[in-house]
Amino acid sequence: MSGGTVGAAAGSLTFMLGAPSDLVPQATSILQHMGRRVLHLGEPGAGLCGKLANNYLLALNNIATAEAMNLGLRLGLDAKTLAGMINISTGKCWPSEVNNPVPGVIDTAPASRGYSGGFGVALMKKDLGLAIEAAERAGVDMDKGLGGKAREIYDEVDGDEACKGKDFSVVYRWLGGKES
């Protein structure tokens, strides 16, 4: 599933389903009680593959959003104004729009609650590692691109006492982002 604690509370989760086609209607009728979308990705296991690919991209988008927001703030831009511009431009992504890593930009985001709640750094580190392992088994070298660096970053963030146990958007703090 995708949507995190915010999506669970709002009943807007997205489910990635791997199942025989004849079971999809029954599974969908059950899962729609907890979310808005059920996406049938193929046979058993396909849902997990989709989830790994999605969280791999989320991990990278989160780091890029934190860096972009930090850059804009350091250049003198207002955080909410910058986020608003990004979210109607080509940089729009879930970490910028829903889970912005800058405290005070989005009231419901973990950053606005001291990075508490949400999807933990350790969970993102685990999911990123699983995605990279799956890629290696499929013959894709994620370390050649951004995957290796992202893995290093989440390892360090997870080991930092100021970030440990926090939402994965705390990477903004680890990067030295302006919090007030």
Protein backbone atom coordinates (compact mmCIF):
# COMPACT_ATOMS: atom_id res chain seq x y z
CA MET A 1 0.00 0.00 0.00
CA SER A 2 0.98 3.63 -0.37
CA GLY A 3 -0.16 6.73 1.43
CA GLY A 4 1.38 6.33 4.87
CA THR A 5 -0.22 7.32 8.13
CA VAL A 6 -1.75 10.42 6.52
CA GLY A 7 -3.45 8.28 3.87
CA ALA A 8 -4.57 5.72 6.44
CA ALA A 9 -6.19 8.39 8.59
CA ALA A 10 -7.89 9.93 5.55
CA GLY A 11 -8.95 6.57 4.08
CA SER A 12 -7.11 7.45 0.87
CA LEU A 13 -4.56 4.63 0.68
CA THR A 14 -3.54 3.10 -2.64
CA PHE A 15 -3.11 -0.67 -2.71
CA MET A 16 -0.73 -2.40 -5.12
CA LEU A 17 -2.19 -5.84 -5.66
CA GLY A 18 -0.55 -8.97 -6.94
CA ALA A 19 -3.17 -11.67 -7.32
CA PRO A 20 -4.82 -13.97 -9.84
CA SER A 21 -7.24 -11.95 -11.96
CA ASP A 22 -10.28 -13.88 -10.74
CA LEU A 23 -9.60 -12.77 -7.13
CA VAL A 24 -9.18 -9.05 -7.91
CA PRO A 25 -12.88 -8.06 -7.59
CA GLN A 26 -13.21 -9.71 -4.17
CA ALA A 27 -9.91 -8.24 -2.89
CA THR A 28 -10.85 -4.83 -4.27
CA SER A 29 -14.20 -4.80 -2.47
CA ILE A 30 -12.40 -5.43 0.84
CA LEU A 31 -9.47 -3.07 0.30
CA GLN A 32 -11.68 -0.16 -0.80
CA HIS A 33 -12.91 0.08 2.80
CA MET A 34 -9.43 1.37 3.69
CA GLY A 35 -8.43 3.25 0.57
CA ARG A 36 -9.46 4.86 -2.68
CA ARG A 37 -7.48 2.89 -5.22
CA VAL A 38 -6.63 -0.73 -5.80
CA LEU A 39 -4.18 -1.27 -8.63
CA HIS A 40 -3.86 -4.80 -9.96
CA LEU A 41 -0.24 -5.09 -11.07
CA GLY A 42 -0.24 -8.75 -12.06
CA GLU A 43 0.19 -12.16 -10.51
CA PRO A 44 1.17 -12.80 -6.84
CA GLY A 45 4.32 -10.87 -6.00
CA ALA A 46 3.67 -8.09 -8.51
CA GLY A 47 2.24 -5.81 -5.84
CA LEU A 48 5.46 -6.07 -3.84
CA CYS A 49 7.53 -5.33 -6.95
CA GLY A 50 5.46 -2.21 -7.60
CA LYS A 51 5.79 -1.13 -3.97
CA LEU A 52 9.59 -1.51 -4.07
CA ALA A 53 9.85 0.57 -7.25
CA ASN A 54 7.55 3.23 -5.79
CA ASN A 55 9.44 3.50 -2.49
CA TYR A 56 12.77 3.60 -4.31
CA LEU A 57 11.54 6.67 -6.19
CA LEU A 58 10.05 8.15 -3.00
CA ALA A 59 13.39 7.80 -1.19
CA LEU A 60 15.17 9.75 -3.93
CA ASN A 61 12.40 12.35 -4.30
CA ASN A 62 12.53 12.98 -0.55
CA ILE A 63 16.26 13.73 -0.62
CA ALA A 64 15.90 15.94 -3.71
CA THR A 65 12.98 17.85 -2.14
CA ALA A 66 14.96 18.42 1.06
CA GLU A 67 17.95 19.69 -0.95
CA ALA A 68 15.82 21.95 -3.15
CA MET A 69 13.95 23.43 -0.20
CA ASN A 70 17.21 24.01 1.68
CA LEU A 71 18.70 25.69 -1.41
CA GLY A 72 15.72 27.99 -1.83
CA LEU A 73 15.62 28.96 1.84
CA ARG A 74 19.38 29.60 1.90
CA LEU A 75 18.91 31.85 -1.15
CA GLY A 76 16.37 33.88 0.80
CA LEU A 77 13.07 32.46 -0.42
CA ASP A 78 10.08 31.96 1.86
CA ALA A 79 9.48 28.25 2.50
CA LYS A 80 5.72 28.26 1.85
CA THR A 81 6.09 30.39 -1.27
CA LEU A 82 8.82 28.11 -2.61
CA ALA A 83 6.79 24.97 -1.88
CA GLY A 84 3.75 26.53 -3.54
CA MET A 85 5.76 27.30 -6.67
CA ILE A 86 7.29 23.81 -6.79
CA ASN A 87 3.86 22.21 -6.38
CA ILE A 88 2.48 23.87 -9.51
CA SER A 89 5.69 23.32 -11.48
CA THR A 90 7.71 20.39 -12.77
CA GLY A 91 9.30 19.66 -9.37
CA LYS A 92 5.97 18.63 -7.85
CA CYS A 93 6.12 15.30 -6.03
CA TRP A 94 4.61 13.70 -2.92
CA PRO A 95 7.42 14.86 -0.62
CA SER A 96 6.98 18.47 -1.77
CA GLU A 97 3.19 18.49 -1.79
CA VAL A 98 2.07 16.25 1.09
CA ASN A 99 5.11 15.48 3.27
CA ASN A 100 7.22 18.61 2.84
CA PRO A 101 10.38 18.26 4.94
CA VAL A 102 10.46 21.90 6.10
CA PRO A 103 8.75 22.55 9.44
CA GLY A 104 5.70 24.80 9.12
CA VAL A 105 5.19 24.44 5.37
CA ILE A 106 2.45 21.80 5.65
CA ASP A 107 0.73 21.64 9.03
CA THR A 108 -0.14 17.95 8.73
CA ALA A 109 3.38 16.85 7.70
CA PRO A 110 5.65 15.17 10.26
CA ALA A 111 8.18 18.01 9.85
CA SER A 112 5.65 20.32 11.50
CA ARG A 113 5.49 17.95 14.49
CA GLY A 114 9.22 17.64 15.13
CA TYR A 115 9.41 14.91 12.47
CA SER A 116 7.34 12.59 14.67
CA GLY A 117 4.96 10.05 13.20
CA GLY A 118 4.94 9.26 9.53
CA PHE A 119 7.19 6.77 7.74
CA GLY A 120 10.31 6.20 9.82
CA VAL A 121 13.86 6.62 8.58
CA ALA A 122 14.61 2.99 9.46
CA LEU A 123 11.64 1.82 7.36
CA MET A 124 12.75 3.90 4.38
CA LYS A 125 16.29 2.57 4.78
CA LYS A 126 14.89 -0.99 4.80
CA ASP A 127 12.64 -0.43 1.78
CA LEU A 128 15.41 1.26 -0.20
CA GLY A 129 17.71 -1.65 0.59
CA LEU A 130 15.06 -4.16 -0.49
CA ALA A 131 14.51 -2.28 -3.76
CA ILE A 132 18.24 -2.23 -4.49
CA GLU A 133 18.52 -5.96 -3.67
CA ALA A 134 15.58 -6.73 -5.99
CA ALA A 135 17.19 -4.63 -8.70
CA GLU A 136 20.47 -6.54 -8.34
CA ARG A 137 18.60 -9.86 -8.68
CA ALA A 138 16.98 -8.47 -11.85
CA GLY A 139 20.37 -7.43 -13.25
CA VAL A 140 19.92 -3.68 -12.66
CA ASP A 141 22.85 -1.85 -11.05
CA MET A 142 21.22 0.85 -8.89
CA ASP A 143 24.59 1.78 -7.37
CA LYS A 144 25.64 3.19 -10.75
CA GLY A 145 22.98 5.84 -10.46
CA LEU A 146 21.43 7.53 -7.45
CA GLY A 147 20.53 4.41 -5.47
CA GLY A 148 23.96 3.90 -3.94
CA LYS A 149 24.24 7.49 -2.75
CA ALA A 150 20.68 7.43 -1.39
CA ARG A 151 21.49 4.25 0.54
CA GLU A 152 24.54 5.98 2.08
CA ILE A 153 22.44 9.00 3.04
CA TYR A 154 19.68 6.98 4.73
CA ASP A 155 22.31 4.88 6.57
CA GLU A 156 23.84 8.07 7.96
CA VAL A 157 20.48 9.69 8.76
CA ASP A 158 19.36 6.55 10.60
CA GLY A 159 22.58 6.60 12.65
CA ASP A 160 22.30 10.28 13.59
CA GLU A 161 20.87 10.69 17.11
CA ALA A 162 19.07 13.90 16.06
CA CYS A 163 17.25 11.95 13.33
CA LYS A 164 16.90 8.39 14.63
CA GLY A 165 13.30 7.25 15.06
CA LYS A 166 11.92 10.20 13.11
CA ASP A 167 9.96 10.44 9.86
CA PHE A 168 12.17 9.96 6.81
CA SER A 169 11.68 13.63 5.86
CA VAL A 170 14.13 14.38 8.69
CA VAL A 171 16.79 14.01 6.00
CA TYR A 172 16.21 17.77 5.65
CA ARG A 173 17.56 18.28 9.18
CA TRP A 174 20.50 15.94 8.49
CA LEU A 175 21.37 18.01 5.41
CA GLY A 176 21.55 21.11 7.60
CA GLY A 177 18.20 22.50 6.50
CA LYS A 178 16.95 25.71 8.03
CA GLU A 179 14.21 24.74 10.51
CA SER A 180 13.11 28.08 11.91
